[in-house]
Protein backbone atom coordinates (compact mmCIF):
# COMPACT_ATOMS: atom_id res chain seq x y z
CA MET A 1 36.97 39.73 64.46
CA HIS A 2 34.66 42.34 65.86
CA LYS A 3 32.59 45.33 64.87
CA PRO A 4 33.35 48.49 66.86
CA PRO A 5 30.30 50.16 68.36
CA ARG A 6 31.58 53.66 67.56
CA VAL A 7 33.51 55.13 64.63
CA VAL A 8 34.63 58.71 64.00
CA LEU A 9 34.11 60.20 60.53
CA ALA A 10 35.77 63.34 59.15
CA ALA A 11 35.95 64.71 55.62
CA ASP A 12 36.62 67.68 53.46
CA HIS A 13 34.10 68.89 50.89
CA ALA A 14 35.32 66.46 48.22
CA GLY A 15 34.93 63.52 50.58
CA PHE A 16 31.54 64.64 51.88
CA PRO A 17 29.34 62.54 49.54
CA LEU A 18 31.21 59.30 50.30
CA LYS A 19 31.26 60.13 54.02
CA GLU A 20 27.49 60.52 53.99
CA ALA A 21 27.01 57.20 52.17
CA ILE A 22 29.37 55.35 54.52
CA LYS A 23 27.74 56.98 57.55
CA ALA A 24 24.34 55.65 56.45
CA HIS A 25 25.87 52.20 55.90
CA LEU A 26 27.42 52.18 59.38
CA ILE A 27 24.24 53.36 61.08
CA ALA A 28 22.31 50.62 59.29
CA ARG A 29 24.79 48.11 60.75
CA GLY A 30 24.23 49.48 64.27
CA VAL A 31 27.47 51.44 64.51
CA ASP A 32 27.42 54.84 66.23
CA ALA A 33 28.98 57.11 63.59
CA ILE A 34 30.41 60.25 65.19
CA ASP A 35 30.43 62.83 62.41
CA GLU A 36 33.01 65.60 62.85
CA GLY A 37 32.26 67.20 59.46
CA ALA A 38 32.39 68.49 56.82
CA PHE A 39 28.65 68.86 56.66
CA SER A 40 28.28 69.93 53.02
CA GLU A 41 30.18 70.23 49.75
CA GLU A 42 31.03 73.84 50.61
CA PRO A 43 34.85 74.12 50.42
CA VAL A 44 36.73 73.61 53.69
CA ASP A 45 40.40 73.11 54.51
CA TYR A 46 40.97 69.41 55.10
CA PRO A 47 43.79 69.59 57.69
CA ALA A 48 41.56 71.21 60.32
CA MET A 49 38.69 68.80 59.63
CA ILE A 50 40.93 65.77 59.83
CA ARG A 51 42.68 66.95 63.02
CA LYS A 52 39.28 67.39 64.64
CA GLY A 53 38.23 63.83 63.80
CA CYS A 54 41.56 62.34 64.77
CA ALA A 55 41.45 64.07 68.15
CA VAL A 56 38.31 62.05 68.91
CA VAL A 57 40.00 58.84 67.74
CA VAL A 58 42.87 59.43 70.18
CA GLU A 59 40.68 60.66 73.06
CA GLN A 60 38.15 57.83 72.85
CA GLY A 61 40.40 55.05 71.54
CA ILE A 62 38.02 54.24 68.69
CA PRO A 63 38.67 53.86 64.96
CA GLY A 64 38.22 56.64 62.45
CA ILE A 65 37.58 57.02 58.76
CA VAL A 66 38.61 60.16 56.89
CA PHE A 67 37.50 61.13 53.41
CA GLY A 68 38.83 63.48 50.76
CA GLY A 69 38.99 63.66 47.00
CA SER A 70 41.92 61.26 46.83
CA GLY A 71 42.42 60.51 50.52
CA ILE A 72 46.13 61.30 50.22
CA GLY A 73 46.17 64.70 51.91
CA GLU A 74 43.80 63.43 54.56
CA SER A 75 46.10 60.53 55.42
CA ILE A 76 49.06 62.92 55.66
CA ALA A 77 47.09 65.27 57.93
CA ALA A 78 45.89 62.37 60.08
CA ASN A 79 49.39 60.99 60.53
CA LYS A 80 50.54 64.34 61.91
CA VAL A 81 48.32 63.72 64.97
CA HIS A 82 50.23 61.87 67.71
CA GLY A 83 48.71 58.44 68.24
CA ILE A 84 47.23 58.11 64.77
CA ARG A 85 48.26 55.43 62.31
CA ALA A 86 46.31 56.30 59.17
CA ALA A 87 46.36 54.24 56.00
CA ARG A 88 45.15 55.53 52.65
CA CYS A 89 43.65 52.44 51.06
CA CYS A 90 42.44 51.66 47.55
CA THR A 91 41.57 47.96 47.84
CA VAL A 92 39.98 45.61 50.35
CA GLU A 93 43.36 43.93 50.75
CA ASP A 94 44.93 47.31 51.62
CA ALA A 95 42.28 47.90 54.29
CA THR A 96 42.68 44.42 55.73
CA LEU A 97 46.49 44.53 55.81
CA SER A 98 46.50 48.01 57.32
CA ARG A 99 44.77 46.50 60.35
CA GLN A 100 46.52 43.10 60.43
CA HIS A 101 50.09 44.35 60.03
CA ASN A 102 50.06 48.06 60.92
CA ASP A 103 47.32 48.32 63.56
CA ALA A 104 45.96 51.32 61.63
CA ASN A 105 43.35 53.19 63.61
CA VAL A 106 42.27 55.51 60.77
CA LEU A 107 41.23 54.52 57.26
CA SER A 108 41.62 57.21 54.59
CA LEU A 109 39.42 56.99 51.50
CA GLY A 110 39.24 58.99 48.29
CA GLY A 111 35.70 59.92 47.40
CA ARG A 112 36.70 60.67 43.81
CA MET A 113 38.64 57.42 43.51
CA LEU A 114 36.27 54.78 44.87
CA ASP A 115 32.73 53.73 44.14
CA PHE A 116 30.44 53.19 47.09
CA ASP A 117 30.30 49.39 46.89
CA LEU A 118 34.07 49.06 47.02
CA ALA A 119 34.40 51.69 49.76
CA LYS A 120 31.69 49.94 51.82
CA THR A 121 33.49 46.60 51.54
CA MET A 122 36.79 48.25 52.49
CA VAL A 123 35.20 49.90 55.54
CA ASP A 124 33.69 46.60 56.64
CA ALA A 125 37.04 44.86 56.27
CA PHE A 126 38.86 47.61 58.17
CA LEU A 127 36.39 47.59 61.03
CA THR A 128 36.24 43.81 61.45
CA THR A 129 39.91 42.91 61.06
CA ASP A 130 42.07 42.57 64.14
CA PHE A 131 45.75 43.43 64.53
CA GLU A 132 47.86 40.26 64.37
CA GLY A 133 50.48 41.50 66.82
CA GLY A 134 53.52 39.24 67.02
CA ARG A 135 56.39 40.38 64.83
CA HIS A 136 54.25 43.32 63.65
CA ALA A 137 53.89 44.69 67.20
CA VAL A 138 57.59 45.54 67.41
CA ARG A 139 57.42 47.46 64.14
CA VAL A 140 54.27 49.33 65.11
CA LYS A 141 55.84 50.23 68.47
CA ASP A 142 58.82 51.67 66.55
CA LEU A 143 56.45 54.09 64.79
CA GLU A 144 55.55 55.86 68.06
């Protein structure tokens, strides 16, 4: 298990408050949080925000976390970007398994669905869990 030194964050207006809280948590842990927006609760269209964040994930080969009201639309938008494997997660087990079995490189969280303590624990699990490879590697390769 490891902690990545850099993580990309992207959100729409509904995910902004949780993004800000998670960003502070990551910075406190010594993680460089690259914030691609949104930068307020002023309404924005999530697909453009998520594409922007996911472009950095692909370019730099680092994990990302995207935030919306539910996280559903954000995960759909993220998965439209070639090279992204985004998982919308609601539990710590979801976040862990998304890494272990699916080699997810983007975690999608719903700011209106999760409290901060749960989201923080999910982020920590996502960022410190390694891909198991093995039989899962063939399946992940088939997703490309």
